Amino acid sequence: MKKVVFEKLLIKNFLSVGDKPVAISFRPGLHGITGINKDQLDRRNGVGKSTIPDALHFALFGTTIRELKKEFILNNITGKTCEVSLSLVLLTGSRPINTK
């Protein structure tokens, strides 16, 4: 049996993530996604929570979950090249295969 273990997701200039990279390290257990709206501290909308699963899907399949056209995935404020990378380990039996 094969098992895929996600290790780290790196996002830069992708959708709502700007020049400062967002790195997410996956550990065993449940992960919750929260955010801080720096313009309106009492609100959680529009802070990039959906960008994380979109970036994960993009790293795996080359498309976003919301099926956005590729010209719309680039952060429109920075206008720079986006980067999405995913480090994972493929376990086959008892031997891990690194795919970084």
N, C-alpha and C. Protein backbone atom coordinates (compact mmCIF):
# COMPACT_ATOMS: atom_id res chain seq x y z
N MET A 1 0.84 -1.18 0.00
CA MET A 1 0.00 0.00 0.00
C MET A 1 0.88 1.25 0.00
N LYS A 2 0.49 2.25 -0.79
CA LYS A 2 1.23 3.50 -0.86
C LYS A 2 0.53 4.56 -0.03
N LYS A 3 1.33 5.44 0.54
CA LYS A 3 0.79 6.52 1.36
C LYS A 3 1.57 7.79 1.04
N VAL A 4 0.86 8.90 0.83
CA VAL A 4 1.48 10.19 0.57
C VAL A 4 1.41 11.02 1.85
N VAL A 5 2.56 11.54 2.26
CA VAL A 5 2.62 12.38 3.45
C VAL A 5 3.12 13.76 3.02
N PHE A 6 2.25 14.77 3.16
CA PHE A 6 2.66 16.14 2.85
C PHE A 6 3.56 16.64 3.97
N GLU A 7 4.66 17.30 3.59
CA GLU A 7 5.58 17.84 4.58
C GLU A 7 5.50 19.36 4.69
N LYS A 8 5.60 20.06 3.53
CA LYS A 8 5.64 21.52 3.57
C LYS A 8 5.06 22.10 2.29
N LEU A 9 4.29 23.17 2.45
CA LEU A 9 3.72 23.91 1.33
C LEU A 9 4.26 25.33 1.40
N LEU A 10 4.82 25.82 0.30
CA LEU A 10 5.36 27.17 0.23
C LEU A 10 4.57 27.94 -0.82
N ILE A 11 4.08 29.13 -0.44
CA ILE A 11 3.25 29.95 -1.34
C ILE A 11 3.82 31.36 -1.39
N LYS A 12 3.99 31.89 -2.61
CA LYS A 12 4.48 33.26 -2.77
C LYS A 12 3.87 33.87 -4.03
N ASN A 13 3.33 35.08 -3.91
CA ASN A 13 2.71 35.81 -5.03
C ASN A 13 1.62 35.00 -5.72
N PHE A 14 0.87 34.24 -4.95
CA PHE A 14 -0.20 33.40 -5.46
C PHE A 14 -1.51 33.87 -4.83
N LEU A 15 -2.48 34.28 -5.66
CA LEU A 15 -3.77 34.81 -5.21
C LEU A 15 -3.56 35.89 -4.15
N SER A 16 -4.02 35.71 -2.92
CA SER A 16 -3.93 36.78 -1.92
C SER A 16 -2.60 36.81 -1.18
N VAL A 17 -1.72 35.85 -1.43
CA VAL A 17 -0.40 35.84 -0.77
C VAL A 17 0.54 36.71 -1.59
N GLY A 18 1.21 37.64 -0.91
CA GLY A 18 2.10 38.56 -1.60
C GLY A 18 3.54 38.10 -1.64
N ASP A 19 4.44 39.09 -1.61
CA ASP A 19 5.88 38.86 -1.72
C ASP A 19 6.46 38.08 -0.54
N LYS A 20 5.85 38.25 0.63
CA LYS A 20 6.34 37.53 1.81
C LYS A 20 5.80 36.10 1.76
N PRO A 21 6.68 35.10 1.63
CA PRO A 21 6.21 33.72 1.47
C PRO A 21 5.45 33.22 2.70
N VAL A 22 4.47 32.38 2.44
CA VAL A 22 3.74 31.68 3.49
C VAL A 22 4.19 30.22 3.42
N ALA A 23 4.73 29.71 4.52
CA ALA A 23 5.18 28.32 4.58
C ALA A 23 4.33 27.58 5.60
N ILE A 24 3.81 26.45 5.20
CA ILE A 24 2.98 25.65 6.09
C ILE A 24 3.64 24.28 6.22
N SER A 25 3.98 23.93 7.45
CA SER A 25 4.56 22.61 7.72
C SER A 25 3.45 21.72 8.24
N PHE A 26 3.28 20.58 7.59
CA PHE A 26 2.24 19.65 7.97
C PHE A 26 2.79 18.67 9.01
N ARG A 27 2.07 18.51 10.07
CA ARG A 27 2.42 17.56 11.13
C ARG A 27 1.23 16.60 11.30
N PRO A 28 1.45 15.47 11.90
CA PRO A 28 0.32 14.56 12.13
C PRO A 28 -0.78 15.25 12.96
N GLY A 29 -2.02 14.96 12.62
CA GLY A 29 -3.15 15.52 13.36
C GLY A 29 -4.00 16.43 12.50
N LEU A 30 -4.92 17.10 13.13
CA LEU A 30 -5.87 17.98 12.48
C LEU A 30 -5.29 19.38 12.33
N HIS A 31 -5.53 20.01 11.19
CA HIS A 31 -5.04 21.36 10.94
C HIS A 31 -6.22 22.30 10.76
N GLY A 32 -6.20 23.42 11.44
CA GLY A 32 -7.22 24.45 11.28
C GLY A 32 -6.61 25.66 10.59
N ILE A 33 -7.40 26.32 9.74
CA ILE A 33 -6.92 27.50 9.03
C ILE A 33 -7.68 28.70 9.55
N THR A 34 -6.96 29.66 10.09
CA THR A 34 -7.56 30.91 10.57
C THR A 34 -6.81 32.06 9.92
N GLY A 35 -7.30 33.25 10.09
CA GLY A 35 -6.62 34.39 9.51
C GLY A 35 -6.93 35.66 10.27
N ILE A 36 -6.15 36.68 9.98
CA ILE A 36 -6.35 37.99 10.61
C ILE A 36 -6.57 39.00 9.49
N ASN A 37 -7.69 39.70 9.56
CA ASN A 37 -7.98 40.77 8.62
C ASN A 37 -7.35 42.03 9.19
N LYS A 38 -6.27 42.49 8.58
CA LYS A 38 -5.53 43.64 9.12
C LYS A 38 -6.27 44.96 8.93
N ASP A 39 -7.26 44.97 8.03
CA ASP A 39 -8.04 46.19 7.81
C ASP A 39 -9.23 46.27 8.76
N GLN A 40 -9.85 45.12 9.06
CA GLN A 40 -11.00 45.07 9.95
C GLN A 40 -10.77 43.92 10.93
N LEU A 41 -10.26 44.24 12.09
CA LEU A 41 -9.82 43.22 13.05
C LEU A 41 -10.93 42.30 13.53
N ASP A 42 -12.19 42.73 13.45
CA ASP A 42 -13.29 41.90 13.92
C ASP A 42 -13.82 40.95 12.84
N ARG A 43 -13.21 40.94 11.67
CA ARG A 43 -13.69 40.09 10.57
C ARG A 43 -12.62 39.11 10.13
N ARG A 44 -13.09 37.97 9.61
CA ARG A 44 -12.18 36.92 9.13
C ARG A 44 -12.34 36.67 7.63
N ASN A 45 -13.20 37.44 6.96
CA ASN A 45 -13.39 37.25 5.53
C ASN A 45 -12.29 37.94 4.73
N GLY A 46 -11.91 37.33 3.62
CA GLY A 46 -10.97 37.96 2.71
C GLY A 46 -9.53 38.00 3.19
N VAL A 47 -9.12 37.04 4.02
CA VAL A 47 -7.75 37.07 4.54
C VAL A 47 -6.87 35.98 3.92
N GLY A 48 -7.40 35.19 2.99
CA GLY A 48 -6.58 34.22 2.30
C GLY A 48 -6.68 32.79 2.77
N LYS A 49 -7.69 32.48 3.56
CA LYS A 49 -7.83 31.10 4.05
C LYS A 49 -8.04 30.12 2.90
N SER A 50 -8.83 30.48 1.93
CA SER A 50 -9.11 29.60 0.79
C SER A 50 -7.91 29.48 -0.15
N THR A 51 -6.97 30.40 -0.04
CA THR A 51 -5.78 30.35 -0.87
C THR A 51 -4.93 29.12 -0.55
N ILE A 52 -4.95 28.67 0.69
CA ILE A 52 -4.12 27.54 1.10
C ILE A 52 -4.56 26.24 0.41
N PRO A 53 -5.82 25.84 0.48
CA PRO A 53 -6.19 24.64 -0.28
C PRO A 53 -6.08 24.82 -1.79
N ASP A 54 -6.30 26.05 -2.28
CA ASP A 54 -6.11 26.31 -3.71
C ASP A 54 -4.65 26.09 -4.11
N ALA A 55 -3.72 26.55 -3.29
CA ALA A 55 -2.29 26.37 -3.58
C ALA A 55 -1.90 24.89 -3.52
N LEU A 56 -2.44 24.17 -2.57
CA LEU A 56 -2.17 22.73 -2.46
C LEU A 56 -2.67 22.01 -3.71
N HIS A 57 -3.88 22.33 -4.12
CA HIS A 57 -4.46 21.73 -5.33
C HIS A 57 -3.64 22.13 -6.57
N PHE A 58 -3.20 23.38 -6.62
CA PHE A 58 -2.40 23.86 -7.74
C PHE A 58 -1.06 23.13 -7.82
N ALA A 59 -0.44 22.88 -6.67
CA ALA A 59 0.84 22.16 -6.65
C ALA A 59 0.67 20.73 -7.17
N LEU A 60 -0.45 20.12 -6.88
CA LEU A 60 -0.69 18.74 -7.29
C LEU A 60 -1.19 18.61 -8.73
N PHE A 61 -2.10 19.51 -9.14
CA PHE A 61 -2.81 19.33 -10.40
C PHE A 61 -2.65 20.46 -11.42
N GLY A 62 -2.06 21.59 -11.02
CA GLY A 62 -1.88 22.70 -11.95
C GLY A 62 -3.11 23.55 -12.16
N THR A 63 -4.14 23.34 -11.34
CA THR A 63 -5.36 24.16 -11.40
C THR A 63 -5.77 24.50 -9.97
N THR A 64 -6.65 25.49 -9.83
CA THR A 64 -7.17 25.82 -8.51
C THR A 64 -8.49 25.10 -8.29
N ILE A 65 -8.89 24.97 -7.05
CA ILE A 65 -10.16 24.33 -6.72
C ILE A 65 -11.31 25.13 -7.32
N ARG A 66 -11.16 26.45 -7.30
CA ARG A 66 -12.21 27.33 -7.83
C ARG A 66 -12.15 27.48 -9.34
N GLU A 67 -11.25 26.71 -9.99
CA GLU A 67 -11.09 26.71 -11.44
C GLU A 67 -10.83 28.11 -12.00
N LEU A 68 -9.96 28.86 -11.32
CA LEU A 68 -9.58 30.19 -11.81
C LEU A 68 -8.66 30.04 -13.01
N LYS A 69 -8.78 30.95 -13.96
CA LYS A 69 -7.88 30.95 -15.10
C LYS A 69 -6.47 31.30 -14.61
N LYS A 70 -5.46 30.75 -15.28
CA LYS A 70 -4.09 30.94 -14.82
C LYS A 70 -3.67 32.41 -14.76
N GLU A 71 -4.24 33.26 -15.62
CA GLU A 71 -3.86 34.68 -15.57
C GLU A 71 -4.38 35.38 -14.31
N PHE A 72 -5.30 34.74 -13.56
CA PHE A 72 -5.84 35.34 -12.35
C PHE A 72 -5.20 34.81 -11.06
N ILE A 73 -4.28 33.85 -11.16
CA ILE A 73 -3.68 33.32 -9.94
C ILE A 73 -2.51 34.16 -9.45
N LEU A 74 -1.92 34.95 -10.31
CA LEU A 74 -0.82 35.83 -9.93
C LEU A 74 -1.35 36.93 -9.03
N ASN A 75 -0.65 37.21 -7.93
CA ASN A 75 -1.05 38.29 -7.03
C ASN A 75 -1.04 39.59 -7.81
N ASN A 76 -2.19 40.26 -7.89
CA ASN A 76 -2.32 41.45 -8.74
C ASN A 76 -1.67 42.69 -8.15
N ILE A 77 -1.27 42.68 -6.90
CA ILE A 77 -0.60 43.83 -6.29
C ILE A 77 0.90 43.78 -6.57
N THR A 78 1.52 42.61 -6.36
CA THR A 78 2.96 42.50 -6.58
C THR A 78 3.29 42.38 -8.06
N GLY A 79 2.45 41.69 -8.83
CA GLY A 79 2.69 41.52 -10.25
C GLY A 79 3.91 40.68 -10.57
N LYS A 80 4.45 39.99 -9.58
CA LYS A 80 5.65 39.18 -9.77
C LYS A 80 5.26 37.72 -10.01
N THR A 81 6.23 36.94 -10.41
CA THR A 81 6.03 35.52 -10.67
C THR A 81 5.61 34.82 -9.39
N CYS A 82 4.58 33.98 -9.49
CA CYS A 82 4.14 33.26 -8.31
C CYS A 82 4.93 31.97 -8.16
N GLU A 83 4.95 31.49 -6.92
CA GLU A 83 5.65 30.25 -6.60
C GLU A 83 4.79 29.44 -5.65
N VAL A 84 4.54 28.21 -6.02
CA VAL A 84 3.85 27.26 -5.15
C VAL A 84 4.66 25.97 -5.19
N SER A 85 5.15 25.54 -4.05
CA SER A 85 5.90 24.28 -4.03
C SER A 85 5.41 23.42 -2.88
N LEU A 86 5.47 22.13 -3.10
CA LEU A 86 4.98 21.16 -2.13
C LEU A 86 6.04 20.09 -1.94
N SER A 87 6.44 19.89 -0.69
CA SER A 87 7.35 18.79 -0.36
C SER A 87 6.51 17.66 0.21
N LEU A 88 6.74 16.47 -0.30
CA LEU A 88 5.98 15.33 0.17
C LEU A 88 6.85 14.09 0.17
N VAL A 89 6.39 13.08 0.87
CA VAL A 89 7.06 11.79 0.92
C VAL A 89 6.06 10.74 0.50
N LEU A 90 6.47 9.88 -0.40
CA LEU A 90 5.65 8.76 -0.83
C LEU A 90 6.17 7.51 -0.12
N LEU A 91 5.32 6.93 0.69
CA LEU A 91 5.70 5.72 1.42
C LEU A 91 5.17 4.51 0.68
N THR A 92 6.06 3.61 0.35
CA THR A 92 5.67 2.37 -0.31
C THR A 92 6.18 1.24 0.57
N GLY A 93 5.27 0.56 1.21
CA GLY A 93 5.68 -0.48 2.15
C GLY A 93 6.38 0.15 3.33
N SER A 94 7.63 -0.22 3.57
CA SER A 94 8.37 0.35 4.69
C SER A 94 9.47 1.29 4.24
N ARG A 95 9.55 1.56 2.91
CA ARG A 95 10.62 2.40 2.38
C ARG A 95 10.09 3.75 1.89
N PRO A 96 10.46 4.89 2.55
CA PRO A 96 10.00 6.18 2.05
C PRO A 96 10.76 6.61 0.80
N ILE A 97 10.05 7.27 -0.11
CA ILE A 97 10.67 7.84 -1.31
C ILE A 97 10.44 9.34 -1.25
N ASN A 98 11.51 10.14 -1.08
CA ASN A 98 11.38 11.60 -1.03
C ASN A 98 11.15 12.14 -2.42
N THR A 99 10.19 13.07 -2.56
CA THR A 99 9.91 13.73 -3.82
C THR A 99 9.86 15.22 -3.60
N LYS A 100 11.01 15.82 -3.45
CA LYS A 100 11.09 17.27 -3.19
C LYS A 100 11.53 18.01 -4.40
